[in-house]
Protein backbone atom coordinates (compact mmCIF):
# COMPACT_ATOMS: atom_id res chain seq x y z
CA UNK A 1 97.96 107.71 124.67
CA UNK A 2 98.49 103.86 126.54
CA UNK A 3 101.92 103.38 128.74
CA UNK A 4 103.13 100.01 128.68
CA UNK A 5 105.00 99.69 131.78
CA UNK A 6 106.98 96.61 130.63
CA UNK A 7 108.90 98.10 127.31
CA UNK A 8 109.19 101.39 130.28
CA UNK A 9 111.04 99.43 132.45
CA UNK A 10 113.55 97.51 129.71
CA UNK A 11 114.07 100.79 127.60
CA UNK A 12 115.50 102.06 131.13
CA UNK A 13 117.51 98.92 131.95
CA UNK A 14 119.46 99.39 129.41
CA UNK A 15 119.67 103.37 129.63
CA UNK A 16 120.92 102.51 132.95
CA UNK A 17 123.44 99.85 132.28
CA UNK A 18 124.49 101.66 129.31
CA UNK A 19 125.78 105.15 131.36
CA UNK A 20 127.18 102.81 134.21
CA UNK A 21 130.56 104.21 136.13
CA UNK A 22 132.75 101.28 135.19
CA UNK A 23 131.05 101.73 131.22
CA UNK A 24 131.26 106.25 131.27
CA UNK A 25 135.00 105.39 133.24
CA UNK A 26 136.82 103.24 129.72
CA UNK A 27 134.64 105.65 127.34
CA UNK A 28 136.59 108.52 128.84
CA UNK A 29 140.12 106.62 129.23
CA UNK A 30 139.27 105.30 125.16
CA UNK A 31 138.94 108.97 124.49
CA UNK A 32 141.73 110.38 126.62
CA UNK A 33 143.79 107.57 124.41
CA UNK A 34 143.45 109.75 121.00
CA UNK A 35 146.61 110.87 120.09
CA UNK A 36 145.35 114.82 119.02
CA UNK A 37 144.04 117.46 121.63
CA UNK A 38 140.67 118.31 119.21
CA UNK A 39 139.69 114.25 118.95
CA UNK A 40 140.07 114.39 122.18
CA UNK A 41 138.15 116.88 123.42
CA UNK A 42 135.87 115.94 120.07
CA UNK A 43 134.90 112.35 121.94
CA UNK A 44 134.33 113.90 125.71
CA UNK A 45 132.71 116.29 124.20
CA UNK A 46 129.99 113.50 121.91
CA UNK A 47 130.02 111.49 126.04
CA UNK A 48 128.94 114.48 127.54
CA UNK A 49 125.79 115.47 124.89
CA UNK A 50 124.61 111.63 124.93
CA UNK A 51 124.62 111.28 128.73
CA UNK A 52 122.50 114.70 128.76
CA UNK A 53 120.40 112.99 126.22
CA UNK A 54 120.00 110.13 127.91
CA UNK A 55 119.28 112.24 131.31
CA UNK A 56 116.43 113.74 129.35
CA UNK A 57 115.03 110.15 128.12
CA UNK A 58 115.48 109.19 132.11
CA UNK A 59 112.92 112.41 132.94
CA UNK A 60 110.76 111.50 130.63
CA UNK A 61 110.19 107.89 131.73
CA UNK A 62 110.12 108.51 135.52
CA UNK A 63 107.75 111.85 134.70
CA UNK A 64 104.81 109.60 132.42
CA UNK A 65 105.68 106.04 135.43
CA UNK A 66 104.66 109.43 137.94
CA UNK A 67 101.84 110.47 134.94
CA UNK A 68 100.43 106.75 135.08
CA UNK A 69 101.07 106.64 138.63
CA UNK A 70 98.81 109.39 139.52
CA UNK A 71 95.83 108.76 137.59
CA UNK A 72 95.69 105.18 139.23
CA UNK A 73 95.98 106.42 142.89
CA UNK A 74 92.80 107.04 144.91
CA UNK A 75 93.71 109.94 148.07
CA UNK A 76 92.94 109.79 150.94
CA UNK A 77 89.89 112.05 150.96
CA UNK A 78 88.85 109.92 147.88
CA UNK A 79 88.94 106.54 150.20
CA UNK A 80 87.16 107.91 153.29
CA UNK A 81 84.24 109.60 150.67
CA UNK A 82 83.43 105.66 149.32
CA UNK A 83 84.01 103.66 152.66
CA UNK A 84 81.87 106.36 154.47
CA UNK A 85 79.39 107.39 152.15
CA UNK A 86 79.05 103.53 149.90
CA UNK A 87 77.89 101.25 153.07
CA UNK A 88 74.81 103.83 153.65
CA UNK A 89 73.70 103.37 150.74
CA UNK A 90 74.01 99.98 149.84
CA UNK A 91 72.46 99.36 153.50
CA UNK A 92 69.44 101.68 151.66
CA UNK A 93 69.21 98.96 149.21
CA UNK A 94 68.59 96.40 151.40
CA UNK A 95 65.51 98.51 153.91
CA UNK A 96 63.96 98.91 150.81
CA UNK A 97 63.93 94.99 150.67
CA UNK A 98 61.58 92.11 151.69
CA UNK A 99 62.12 88.59 152.88
CA UNK A 100 64.96 85.76 151.48
CA UNK A 101 66.88 89.17 149.26
CA UNK A 102 66.60 91.05 152.08
CA UNK A 103 69.02 88.83 154.29
CA UNK A 104 70.73 87.59 151.21
CA UNK A 105 71.59 90.91 149.93
CA UNK A 106 72.59 92.25 153.93
CA UNK A 107 75.43 88.51 153.77
CA UNK A 108 76.34 89.78 150.92
CA UNK A 109 77.06 94.17 152.71
CA UNK A 110 78.50 92.24 156.07
CA UNK A 111 81.09 90.14 153.54
CA UNK A 112 81.78 93.71 151.82
CA UNK A 113 82.09 96.43 154.34
CA UNK A 114 86.06 95.20 155.26
CA UNK A 115 86.61 95.41 151.63
CA UNK A 116 85.89 99.11 151.41
CA UNK A 117 87.42 99.85 154.68
CA UNK A 118 89.97 102.58 154.53
CA UNK A 119 93.24 100.08 155.49
CA UNK A 120 92.56 97.53 152.37
CA UNK A 121 91.58 100.34 149.82
CA UNK A 122 95.32 101.22 150.96
CA UNK A 123 97.13 98.42 151.45
CA UNK A 124 95.58 97.05 147.75
CA UNK A 125 96.72 100.35 146.17
CA UNK A 126 99.74 99.87 147.16
CA UNK A 127 100.43 96.62 145.81
CA UNK A 128 98.93 97.49 142.90
CA UNK A 129 96.03 97.27 142.48
CA UNK A 130 94.25 99.70 140.30
CA UNK A 131 90.76 100.29 141.87
CA UNK A 132 89.55 102.72 138.66
CA UNK A 133 90.89 100.66 136.27
CA UNK A 134 89.61 97.46 137.93
CA UNK A 135 86.59 98.72 138.63
CA UNK A 136 85.35 102.42 137.67
CA UNK A 137 86.45 101.44 133.65
CA UNK A 138 83.52 98.61 133.74
CA UNK A 139 81.24 100.39 135.20
CA UNK A 140 81.32 102.90 133.14
CA UNK A 141 80.67 100.30 130.07
CA UNK A 142 77.96 98.87 131.48
CA UNK A 143 76.41 102.02 132.55
CA UNK A 144 77.51 103.25 128.69
CA UNK A 145 75.82 99.89 127.73
CA UNK A 146 72.86 99.94 129.72
CA UNK A 147 72.19 104.27 128.54
CA UNK A 148 72.48 103.43 124.53
CA UNK A 149 69.80 99.97 125.41
CA UNK A 150 67.30 103.31 126.24
CA UNK A 151 67.87 105.28 123.23
CA UNK A 152 65.77 104.85 120.50
CA UNK A 153 66.98 103.00 117.00
CA UNK A 154 67.28 105.53 114.17
CA UNK A 155 65.51 104.49 110.93
CA UNK A 156 68.18 102.72 109.64
CA UNK A 157 68.98 100.15 111.84
CA UNK A 158 65.15 99.73 112.68
CA UNK A 159 64.63 99.15 109.01
CA UNK A 160 67.62 96.42 109.47
CA UNK A 161 66.47 95.42 112.47
CA UNK A 162 62.40 94.65 110.40
CA UNK A 163 65.10 93.26 107.72
CA UNK A 164 66.55 89.96 110.92
CA UNK A 165 62.91 89.66 111.20
CA UNK A 166 61.05 88.56 108.25
CA UNK A 167 65.08 87.09 107.33
CA UNK A 168 64.38 84.95 110.39
CA UNK A 169 61.28 83.68 109.81
CA UNK A 170 61.53 82.76 106.42
CA UNK A 171 63.97 80.01 107.69
CA UNK A 172 62.25 78.93 110.57
CA UNK A 173 59.42 78.54 107.41
CA UNK A 174 61.69 76.91 105.54
CA UNK A 175 62.08 74.22 108.50
CA UNK A 176 57.80 73.91 109.05
CA UNK A 177 58.39 72.18 105.09
CA UNK A 178 61.48 69.56 106.24
CA UNK A 179 60.02 66.90 108.43
CA UNK A 180 63.31 66.05 109.74
CA UNK A 181 64.38 69.20 110.31
CA UNK A 182 60.95 70.33 112.10
CA UNK A 183 61.13 67.22 114.42
CA UNK A 184 64.52 68.56 115.45
CA UNK A 185 63.31 71.53 116.46
CA UNK A 186 59.68 70.68 118.37
CA UNK A 187 62.51 67.92 120.61
CA UNK A 188 64.95 71.29 121.21
CA UNK A 189 62.25 73.63 121.77
CA UNK A 190 60.53 70.53 124.03
CA UNK A 191 63.67 69.69 125.65
CA UNK A 192 63.94 66.43 125.05
CA UNK A 193 67.16 67.01 123.08
């Protein structure tokens, strides 16, 4: 379930405003002014039922907030593990490089070191930065795309690719038959256009 904090916040504010002490006291006062005791009791029971229902709704909202925050929060152990394990892995990449690439990578690692410190993780997390969403989800999508690109195409997809390649080839042949189009293509391909 996708949680919309703005909608949830608006709903929360509405419930709080509707259930402020002066509002409830006014409703109780109006209920007591009824001429019959049974009518007064019914109105008071109605107020109590609404308050209980809205209290339960508020509890659900708080649970949704907590659930969302728990999924976003990185624990202290996870922060320690990331900050202590990531740098050695990155430095190992530098050891495998040589020349200019190694120097560039080493400079990048030096720039990253302060960012992946435990203090930075904690500060950014306190400010509401969601590491899992900002870093984890794009890495997941990147890895999914990499894996998907390595999966061999099934027969129907391969047939479609061949068909599209043939159509592109036919369109290119049409260009060779049109002198102006051929000249434009030649200029584009040679970088003169």
